[in-house]
């Protein structure tokens, strides 16, 4: 399937089953790497993992865990984490 974009025809790969499986696998790998950074006390990793929990993005929605991670990042003076709290 293709979609017209101006004079170009662009294939719509995101509607295929294989593309969705790839996106899920990519999200799982991203979460794995973010979690690793958070476990190593990286404030940015803690913030991003917290956002994933808060939004239910690749992880089950868990506001309590999100706030815990925001606090860990905020304790390291991460401005975005402090703002979110």
C-alpha atoms as a PDB file:
ATOM      1  CA  UNK A   1       0.000   0.000   0.000  1.00  0.00           C
ATOM      2  CA  UNK A   2       1.256   3.459  -0.851  1.00  0.00           C
ATOM      3  CA  UNK A   3       0.189   6.940   0.142  1.00  0.00           C
ATOM      4  CA  UNK A   4       0.499  10.025  -2.050  1.00  0.00           C
ATOM      5  CA  UNK A   5       2.668  12.731  -0.507  1.00  0.00           C
ATOM      6  CA  UNK A   6       2.854  15.591  -2.959  1.00  0.00           C
ATOM      7  CA  UNK A   7       4.167  14.035  -6.172  1.00  0.00           C
ATOM      8  CA  UNK A   8       5.764  11.079  -4.357  1.00  0.00           C
ATOM      9  CA  UNK A   9       4.262   7.745  -3.467  1.00  0.00           C
ATOM     10  CA  UNK A  10       5.446   6.591  -0.057  1.00  0.00           C
ATOM     11  CA  UNK A  11       5.006   2.983   1.086  1.00  0.00           C
ATOM     12  CA  UNK A  12       3.117   2.669   4.360  1.00  0.00           C
ATOM     13  CA  UNK A  13       5.226   0.094   6.177  1.00  0.00           C
ATOM     14  CA  UNK A  14       3.763   0.857   9.599  1.00  0.00           C
ATOM     15  CA  UNK A  15       0.518  -0.879   8.726  1.00  0.00           C
ATOM     16  CA  UNK A  16       2.170  -4.254   8.308  1.00  0.00           C
ATOM     17  CA  UNK A  17       2.306  -6.939  10.968  1.00  0.00           C
ATOM     18  CA  UNK A  18       6.095  -7.255  10.628  1.00  0.00           C
ATOM     19  CA  UNK A  19       6.576  -3.539  11.234  1.00  0.00           C
ATOM     20  CA  UNK A  20       4.478  -3.707  14.414  1.00  0.00           C
ATOM     21  CA  UNK A  21       6.519  -6.656  15.690  1.00  0.00           C
ATOM     22  CA  UNK A  22       9.716  -4.727  14.966  1.00  0.00           C
ATOM     23  CA  UNK A  23       8.385  -1.688  16.823  1.00  0.00           C
ATOM     24  CA  UNK A  24       7.555  -3.841  19.868  1.00  0.00           C
ATOM     25  CA  UNK A  25      11.020  -5.420  19.797  1.00  0.00           C
ATOM     26  CA  UNK A  26      12.642  -1.985  19.463  1.00  0.00           C
ATOM     27  CA  UNK A  27      10.621  -0.681  22.422  1.00  0.00           C
ATOM     28  CA  UNK A  28      11.649  -3.671  24.541  1.00  0.00           C
ATOM     29  CA  UNK A  29      15.314  -3.002  23.725  1.00  0.00           C
ATOM     30  CA  UNK A  30      14.905   0.703  24.489  1.00  0.00           C
ATOM     31  CA  UNK A  31      13.306  -0.076  27.857  1.00  0.00           C
ATOM     32  CA  UNK A  32      16.113  -2.536  28.632  1.00  0.00           C
ATOM     33  CA  UNK A  33      18.749   0.134  27.965  1.00  0.00           C
ATOM     34  CA  UNK A  34      16.886   2.859  29.854  1.00  0.00           C
ATOM     35  CA  UNK A  35      16.442   0.530  32.840  1.00  0.00           C
ATOM     36  CA  UNK A  36      20.158  -0.284  32.787  1.00  0.00           C
ATOM     37  CA  UNK A  37      21.031   3.424  32.880  1.00  0.00           C
ATOM     38  CA  UNK A  38      18.551   4.015  35.712  1.00  0.00           C
ATOM     39  CA  UNK A  39      19.987   1.131  37.724  1.00  0.00           C
ATOM     40  CA  UNK A  40      23.440   2.686  37.295  1.00  0.00           C
ATOM     41  CA  UNK A  41      22.104   5.838  38.962  1.00  0.00           C
ATOM     42  CA  UNK A  42      21.973   7.911  35.762  1.00  0.00           C
ATOM     43  CA  UNK A  43      19.510  10.751  36.406  1.00  0.00           C
ATOM     44  CA  UNK A  44      18.416  10.939  32.766  1.00  0.00           C
ATOM     45  CA  UNK A  45      17.750   7.215  32.701  1.00  0.00           C
ATOM     46  CA  UNK A  46      15.757   7.434  35.918  1.00  0.00           C
ATOM     47  CA  UNK A  47      13.684  10.284  34.513  1.00  0.00           C
ATOM     48  CA  UNK A  48      13.008   8.527  31.199  1.00  0.00           C
ATOM     49  CA  UNK A  49      12.098   5.251  32.895  1.00  0.00           C
ATOM     50  CA  UNK A  50       9.759   7.209  35.152  1.00  0.00           C
ATOM     51  CA  UNK A  51       8.134   8.775  32.095  1.00  0.00           C
ATOM     52  CA  UNK A  52       7.675   5.308  30.582  1.00  0.00           C
ATOM     53  CA  UNK A  53       5.866   4.178  33.740  1.00  0.00           C
ATOM     54  CA  UNK A  54       3.821   7.389  33.951  1.00  0.00           C
ATOM     55  CA  UNK A  55       2.686   7.134  30.330  1.00  0.00           C
ATOM     56  CA  UNK A  56       2.384   3.348  30.142  1.00  0.00           C
ATOM     57  CA  UNK A  57       4.900   3.519  27.312  1.00  0.00           C
ATOM     58  CA  UNK A  58       6.389   0.058  26.882  1.00  0.00           C
ATOM     59  CA  UNK A  59       5.676  -0.729  30.531  1.00  0.00           C
ATOM     60  CA  UNK A  60       2.515  -1.114  32.575  1.00  0.00           C
ATOM     61  CA  UNK A  61       1.197   2.191  33.884  1.00  0.00           C
ATOM     62  CA  UNK A  62       2.504   2.684  37.452  1.00  0.00           C
ATOM     63  CA  UNK A  63       2.343   6.189  38.857  1.00  0.00           C
ATOM     64  CA  UNK A  64       3.958   5.187  42.175  1.00  0.00           C
ATOM     65  CA  UNK A  65       7.041   3.817  40.409  1.00  0.00           C
ATOM     66  CA  UNK A  66       7.161   6.866  38.147  1.00  0.00           C
ATOM     67  CA  UNK A  67       7.219   9.234  41.142  1.00  0.00           C
ATOM     68  CA  UNK A  68       9.890   7.109  42.871  1.00  0.00           C
ATOM     69  CA  UNK A  69      12.104   7.372  39.791  1.00  0.00           C
ATOM     70  CA  UNK A  70      11.419  11.096  39.412  1.00  0.00           C
ATOM     71  CA  UNK A  71      12.534  11.585  43.028  1.00  0.00           C
ATOM     72  CA  UNK A  72      15.767   9.678  42.429  1.00  0.00           C
ATOM     73  CA  UNK A  73      16.539  11.894  39.439  1.00  0.00           C
ATOM     74  CA  UNK A  74      15.441  15.062  41.253  1.00  0.00           C
ATOM     75  CA  UNK A  75      17.761  14.223  44.160  1.00  0.00           C
ATOM     76  CA  UNK A  76      20.583  14.472  41.602  1.00  0.00           C
ATOM     77  CA  UNK A  77      19.369  17.978  40.671  1.00  0.00           C
ATOM     78  CA  UNK A  78      17.807  16.924  37.361  1.00  0.00           C
ATOM     79  CA  UNK A  79      15.666  19.989  36.542  1.00  0.00           C
ATOM     80  CA  UNK A  80      13.052  18.136  34.458  1.00  0.00           C
ATOM     81  CA  UNK A  81      12.499  15.584  37.219  1.00  0.00           C
ATOM     82  CA  UNK A  82      12.133  18.385  39.765  1.00  0.00           C
ATOM     83  CA  UNK A  83       9.590  20.069  37.500  1.00  0.00           C
ATOM     84  CA  UNK A  84       7.566  16.885  37.083  1.00  0.00           C
ATOM     85  CA  UNK A  85       7.347  16.427  40.842  1.00  0.00           C
END
